[in-house]
Each structure stands twice: as C-alpha cells, then as structure tokens.
Amino acid sequence: MTNKSIREYAKKKGVYLWQIAKEMGISEPTMTRRMRSELSEQEQENIMSIIKKLSEQEKTA
C-alpha cells in the first residue's frame, strides 16, 4: 500500500484529510506533511481504518 492509495481510498469514500487528521488528534498541515513520505505499514493500516470508520459514520448521519 502507498500513500497515493490512501489518498485515493479517502477520496472514493468521501473522507477529507482534515477529517482524518482530526480523528488522529493532529492538525491538517501535520497530516499533509506526514503524507509527503511513505508511512509505515502500521500507520497506513491505522489511517485506512479511520477512513473506513469515518465513511461509515457519514452513511448513518
């Protein structure tokens, strides 16, 4: 998995980076800077689960 695939998955699910950052307790600029270089496998999995969670919340809202 790559950061590009994370961005594409988030876009597909209708989740913005600022929403992911908020859920992680970091600022949007920090999130953007982290995405500039490849994240660890664990960080990627964490972000993917956050995207899934946020997209499911949007469906029920």
C-alpha atoms as a PDB file:
ATOM      1  CA  MET A   1       0.000   0.000   0.000  1.00  0.00           C
ATOM      2  CA  THR A   2       1.197   3.513  -0.718  1.00  0.00           C
ATOM      3  CA  ASN A   3       0.247   6.994   0.427  1.00  0.00           C
ATOM      4  CA  LYS A   4      -1.273   7.527  -3.010  1.00  0.00           C
ATOM      5  CA  SER A   5      -3.614   4.597  -2.450  1.00  0.00           C
ATOM      6  CA  ILE A   6      -4.601   6.092   0.914  1.00  0.00           C
ATOM      7  CA  ARG A   7      -5.473   9.399  -0.780  1.00  0.00           C
ATOM      8  CA  GLU A   8      -7.447   7.599  -3.496  1.00  0.00           C
ATOM      9  CA  TYR A   9      -9.330   5.461  -0.963  1.00  0.00           C
ATOM     10  CA  ALA A  10     -10.209   8.528   1.116  1.00  0.00           C
ATOM     11  CA  LYS A  11     -11.467  10.344  -1.972  1.00  0.00           C
ATOM     12  CA  LYS A  12     -13.520   7.327  -3.039  1.00  0.00           C
ATOM     13  CA  LYS A  13     -15.096   7.154   0.417  1.00  0.00           C
ATOM     14  CA  GLY A  14     -15.707  10.924   0.564  1.00  0.00           C
ATOM     15  CA  VAL A  15     -13.381  11.484   3.511  1.00  0.00           C
ATOM     16  CA  TYR A  16     -11.112  14.542   3.642  1.00  0.00           C
ATOM     17  CA  LEU A  17      -7.581  14.633   5.042  1.00  0.00           C
ATOM     18  CA  TRP A  18      -8.638  17.210   7.641  1.00  0.00           C
ATOM     19  CA  GLN A  19     -11.205  14.707   8.957  1.00  0.00           C
ATOM     20  CA  ILE A  20      -8.563  12.009   9.262  1.00  0.00           C
ATOM     21  CA  ALA A  21      -6.204  14.457  10.992  1.00  0.00           C
ATOM     22  CA  LYS A  22      -8.918  15.498  13.437  1.00  0.00           C
ATOM     23  CA  GLU A  23      -9.632  11.859  14.283  1.00  0.00           C
ATOM     24  CA  MET A  24      -5.891  11.284  14.844  1.00  0.00           C
ATOM     25  CA  GLY A  25      -5.633  14.370  17.066  1.00  0.00           C
ATOM     26  CA  ILE A  26      -3.228  16.207  14.771  1.00  0.00           C
ATOM     27  CA  SER A  27      -3.531  19.309  12.601  1.00  0.00           C
ATOM     28  CA  GLU A  28      -4.258  19.185   8.877  1.00  0.00           C
ATOM     29  CA  PRO A  29      -0.812  20.619   7.988  1.00  0.00           C
ATOM     30  CA  THR A  30       0.837  17.891  10.076  1.00  0.00           C
ATOM     31  CA  MET A  31      -1.208  15.270   8.251  1.00  0.00           C
ATOM     32  CA  THR A  32      -0.211  16.730   4.891  1.00  0.00           C
ATOM     33  CA  ARG A  33       3.484  16.727   5.855  1.00  0.00           C
ATOM     34  CA  ARG A  34       3.291  13.101   7.006  1.00  0.00           C
ATOM     35  CA  MET A  35       1.765  12.108   3.684  1.00  0.00           C
ATOM     36  CA  ARG A  36       4.772  13.524   1.768  1.00  0.00           C
ATOM     37  CA  SER A  37       6.850  10.455   2.541  1.00  0.00           C
ATOM     38  CA  GLU A  38       5.753   6.855   2.718  1.00  0.00           C
ATOM     39  CA  LEU A  39       4.211   5.929   6.034  1.00  0.00           C
ATOM     40  CA  SER A  40       4.960   2.759   7.944  1.00  0.00           C
ATOM     41  CA  GLU A  41       2.699  -0.233   7.395  1.00  0.00           C
ATOM     42  CA  GLN A  42       1.155   0.280  10.833  1.00  0.00           C
ATOM     43  CA  GLU A  43       0.404   3.972  10.182  1.00  0.00           C
ATOM     44  CA  GLN A  44      -1.133   3.132   6.815  1.00  0.00           C
ATOM     45  CA  GLU A  45      -3.383   0.494   8.373  1.00  0.00           C
ATOM     46  CA  ASN A  46      -4.411   2.937  11.101  1.00  0.00           C
ATOM     47  CA  ILE A  47      -5.349   5.610   8.566  1.00  0.00           C
ATOM     48  CA  MET A  48      -7.276   3.129   6.412  1.00  0.00           C
ATOM     49  CA  SER A  49      -9.320   2.037   9.433  1.00  0.00           C
ATOM     50  CA  ILE A  50     -10.012   5.691  10.300  1.00  0.00           C
ATOM     51  CA  ILE A  51     -11.202   6.326   6.730  1.00  0.00           C
ATOM     52  CA  LYS A  52     -13.493   3.304   6.907  1.00  0.00           C
ATOM     53  CA  LYS A  53     -14.868   4.424  10.274  1.00  0.00           C
ATOM     54  CA  LEU A  54     -15.488   7.992   9.089  1.00  0.00           C
ATOM     55  CA  SER A  55     -17.167   6.868   5.866  1.00  0.00           C
ATOM     56  CA  GLU A  56     -19.489   4.586   7.835  1.00  0.00           C
ATOM     57  CA  GLN A  57     -20.379   7.434  10.177  1.00  0.00           C
ATOM     58  CA  GLU A  58     -21.294   9.603   7.179  1.00  0.00           C
ATOM     59  CA  LYS A  59     -23.661   6.910   5.897  1.00  0.00           C
ATOM     60  CA  THR A  60     -25.538   6.743   9.185  1.00  0.00           C
ATOM     61  CA  ALA A  61     -25.671  10.523   9.691  1.00  0.00           C
END
